[in-house]
Amino acid sequence: MLCNLLDVTTDVSDEALKAAILDKVGGEEYRLQVMEKLGLLSSEPVEKQTTPLDTLSNYLAKKLAYGAGERDMVLLIHLIQIERSDGSRCEEKVSLLQYGDPQGYSAMAKTVGYPTAIASRMILNGAIQDKGMLVPFQKTVYQPILDRLKQENVQAQYSMEEL
């Protein structure tokens, strides 16, 4: 697959293929190492799909599938430094740690899909009346979403430290 994408013959040596890849990725060695770890430099045949992206996606979906009992994790940490009008400073920390369920929803589904579904339902039920592209900075939008996420055990932790 890579030979076709890089326009090199399939009988190319491993070193020549690696050189062609490095040339394509701007000489960044770590990218080549990642490709090797993913098995992308293997000579094993790859099931061709409609497009190169579909072919790669199909390959990676099989290669990176969770094993029995494995699950994903989402970790978000936001550190916000605040300087008050009196000159004092503090740092607010907002962190979210969410694990997927091996037999249920992934952490990514919970942290991305749930909020999207909740907001969609709010629009359908008329709780959100605004039109166009919205950002959830209005309390009337974000608070009901946070409340519903809490019911689904998706909740951030907050702390503040004086600096």
Protein backbone atom coordinates (compact mmCIF):
# COMPACT_ATOMS: atom_id res chain seq x y z
CA MET A 1 0.00 0.00 0.00
CA LEU A 2 2.76 2.45 0.93
CA CYS A 3 4.72 1.60 -2.20
CA ASN A 4 1.69 2.56 -4.29
CA LEU A 5 1.16 5.79 -2.34
CA LEU A 6 4.84 6.75 -2.58
CA ASP A 7 5.08 5.71 -6.23
CA VAL A 8 7.90 3.21 -5.67
CA THR A 9 8.09 -0.35 -6.95
CA THR A 10 6.93 -3.11 -4.63
CA ASP A 11 10.31 -4.85 -4.85
CA VAL A 12 12.01 -1.86 -3.18
CA SER A 13 14.43 -2.61 -0.33
CA ASP A 14 13.32 -1.90 3.24
CA GLU A 15 15.94 0.84 3.54
CA ALA A 16 14.86 2.51 0.29
CA LEU A 17 11.21 2.40 1.40
CA LYS A 18 12.15 3.96 4.75
CA ALA A 19 14.13 6.66 2.93
CA ALA A 20 11.13 7.43 0.69
CA ILE A 21 8.87 7.66 3.74
CA LEU A 22 11.31 9.92 5.59
CA ASP A 23 11.50 12.14 2.53
CA LYS A 24 7.69 12.36 2.43
CA VAL A 25 7.36 13.18 6.15
CA GLY A 26 10.10 15.79 6.17
CA GLY A 27 12.76 13.61 7.77
CA GLU A 28 10.90 13.26 11.06
CA GLU A 29 12.18 9.92 12.37
CA TYR A 30 9.47 9.49 15.01
CA ARG A 31 6.82 9.33 12.28
CA LEU A 32 8.66 6.46 10.65
CA GLN A 33 8.92 4.71 14.01
CA VAL A 34 5.16 5.03 14.56
CA MET A 35 4.49 3.61 11.11
CA GLU A 36 6.76 0.66 11.91
CA LYS A 37 5.02 0.03 15.24
CA LEU A 38 1.67 0.02 13.48
CA GLY A 39 2.94 -2.61 11.03
CA LEU A 40 2.59 -0.29 8.06
CA LEU A 41 6.00 -1.33 6.70
CA SER A 42 5.11 -5.01 6.75
CA SER A 43 5.05 -6.89 3.47
CA GLU A 44 1.74 -8.52 4.39
CA PRO A 45 -1.05 -7.78 1.91
CA VAL A 46 -3.60 -5.14 2.89
CA GLU A 47 -7.27 -5.45 2.00
CA LYS A 48 -7.80 -2.72 -0.61
CA GLN A 49 -10.84 -0.49 -0.13
CA THR A 50 -12.35 2.25 -2.30
CA THR A 51 -9.80 4.93 -1.38
CA PRO A 52 -6.35 4.95 0.27
CA LEU A 53 -7.92 6.53 3.36
CA ASP A 54 -10.56 3.80 3.54
CA THR A 55 -7.84 1.18 3.10
CA LEU A 56 -5.79 2.66 5.94
CA SER A 57 -8.86 3.07 8.16
CA ASN A 58 -9.88 -0.55 7.61
CA TYR A 59 -6.34 -1.76 8.35
CA LEU A 60 -6.03 0.34 11.52
CA ALA A 61 -9.50 -0.64 12.76
CA LYS A 62 -8.41 -4.27 12.71
CA LYS A 63 -4.91 -3.61 14.02
CA LEU A 64 -5.99 -1.36 16.89
CA ALA A 65 -9.20 -3.12 17.93
CA TYR A 66 -9.62 -3.54 21.67
CA GLY A 67 -8.93 -6.98 23.05
CA ALA A 68 -11.15 -8.75 25.55
CA GLY A 69 -11.61 -6.58 28.64
CA GLU A 70 -9.75 -3.58 27.20
CA ARG A 71 -11.28 -0.11 27.24
CA ASP A 72 -10.44 3.43 26.27
CA MET A 73 -9.85 6.43 28.49
CA VAL A 74 -10.28 10.18 28.09
CA LEU A 75 -8.22 12.50 30.28
CA LEU A 76 -8.66 16.26 30.08
CA ILE A 77 -6.83 18.70 32.31
CA HIS A 78 -7.24 22.46 32.03
CA LEU A 79 -5.03 24.73 34.12
CA ILE A 80 -6.28 28.31 34.20
CA GLN A 81 -4.15 30.99 35.82
CA ILE A 82 -6.07 33.98 37.11
CA GLU A 83 -4.76 37.36 38.20
CA ARG A 84 -7.26 39.28 40.29
CA SER A 85 -7.66 43.06 40.31
CA ASP A 86 -5.82 43.21 43.67
CA GLY A 87 -2.79 41.52 42.07
CA SER A 88 -3.24 38.17 43.81
CA ARG A 89 -3.06 35.10 41.61
CA CYS A 90 -4.55 31.64 41.65
CA GLU A 91 -4.73 28.61 39.41
CA GLU A 92 -7.96 26.78 38.73
CA LYS A 93 -7.71 23.15 37.69
CA VAL A 94 -10.51 21.41 35.84
CA SER A 95 -9.93 17.72 35.22
CA LEU A 96 -12.02 14.96 33.70
CA LEU A 97 -11.10 11.29 33.75
CA GLN A 98 -13.51 8.98 31.98
CA TYR A 99 -13.14 5.27 31.24
CA GLY A 100 -15.06 3.37 28.62
CA ASP A 101 -17.02 0.25 29.46
CA PRO A 102 -15.61 -2.92 27.85
CA GLN A 103 -19.16 -4.12 27.11
CA GLY A 104 -20.74 -0.69 26.64
CA TYR A 105 -20.01 2.82 25.47
CA SER A 106 -16.45 4.04 24.97
CA ALA A 107 -15.12 6.99 26.95
CA MET A 108 -15.01 8.93 23.69
CA ALA A 109 -18.69 8.19 23.07
CA LYS A 110 -19.55 9.33 26.59
CA THR A 111 -17.55 12.57 26.44
CA VAL A 112 -18.40 13.54 22.86
CA GLY A 113 -21.58 11.68 21.97
CA TYR A 114 -23.51 12.34 25.18
CA PRO A 115 -23.09 16.15 25.10
CA THR A 116 -24.00 16.22 21.42
CA ALA A 117 -27.09 14.08 21.99
CA ILE A 118 -28.16 16.16 25.00
CA ALA A 119 -27.78 19.43 23.06
CA SER A 120 -29.68 17.94 20.10
CA ARG A 121 -32.54 16.92 22.35
CA MET A 122 -32.57 20.41 23.90
CA ILE A 123 -32.91 21.91 20.42
CA LEU A 124 -35.68 19.48 19.46
CA ASN A 125 -37.55 20.14 22.72
CA GLY A 126 -37.24 23.93 22.29
CA ALA A 127 -34.92 24.47 25.27
CA ILE A 128 -32.42 26.10 22.91
CA GLN A 129 -34.10 28.68 20.68
CA ASP A 130 -31.05 30.42 19.21
CA LYS A 131 -30.24 29.85 15.56
CA GLY A 132 -26.95 29.29 13.75
CA MET A 133 -23.58 28.17 15.05
CA LEU A 134 -23.60 28.37 18.84
CA VAL A 135 -20.90 27.95 21.46
CA PRO A 136 -22.05 26.72 24.87
CA PHE A 137 -20.96 29.79 26.86
CA GLN A 138 -24.49 30.68 27.95
CA LYS A 139 -25.44 29.15 31.30
CA THR A 140 -28.88 28.30 29.91
CA VAL A 141 -27.10 26.04 27.40
CA TYR A 142 -24.18 24.53 29.30
CA GLN A 143 -25.73 24.02 32.76
CA PRO A 144 -28.49 21.61 31.64
CA ILE A 145 -25.89 19.69 29.63
CA LEU A 146 -23.55 19.46 32.65
CA ASP A 147 -26.46 18.40 34.88
CA ARG A 148 -27.47 15.63 32.48
CA LEU A 149 -23.84 14.50 32.05
CA LYS A 150 -23.60 14.19 35.83
CA GLN A 151 -26.55 11.77 35.72
CA GLU A 152 -24.49 9.72 33.24
CA ASN A 153 -21.45 9.80 35.58
CA VAL A 154 -19.52 12.15 33.33
CA GLN A 155 -18.33 14.92 35.63
CA ALA A 156 -15.25 17.10 35.91
CA GLN A 157 -13.44 17.81 39.17
CA TYR A 158 -12.60 21.40 40.10
CA SER A 159 -9.93 22.76 42.41
CA MET A 160 -8.28 26.12 43.02
CA GLU A 161 -4.84 26.92 44.40
CA GLU A 162 -3.59 30.32 45.46
CA LEU A 163 -0.27 31.22 43.81
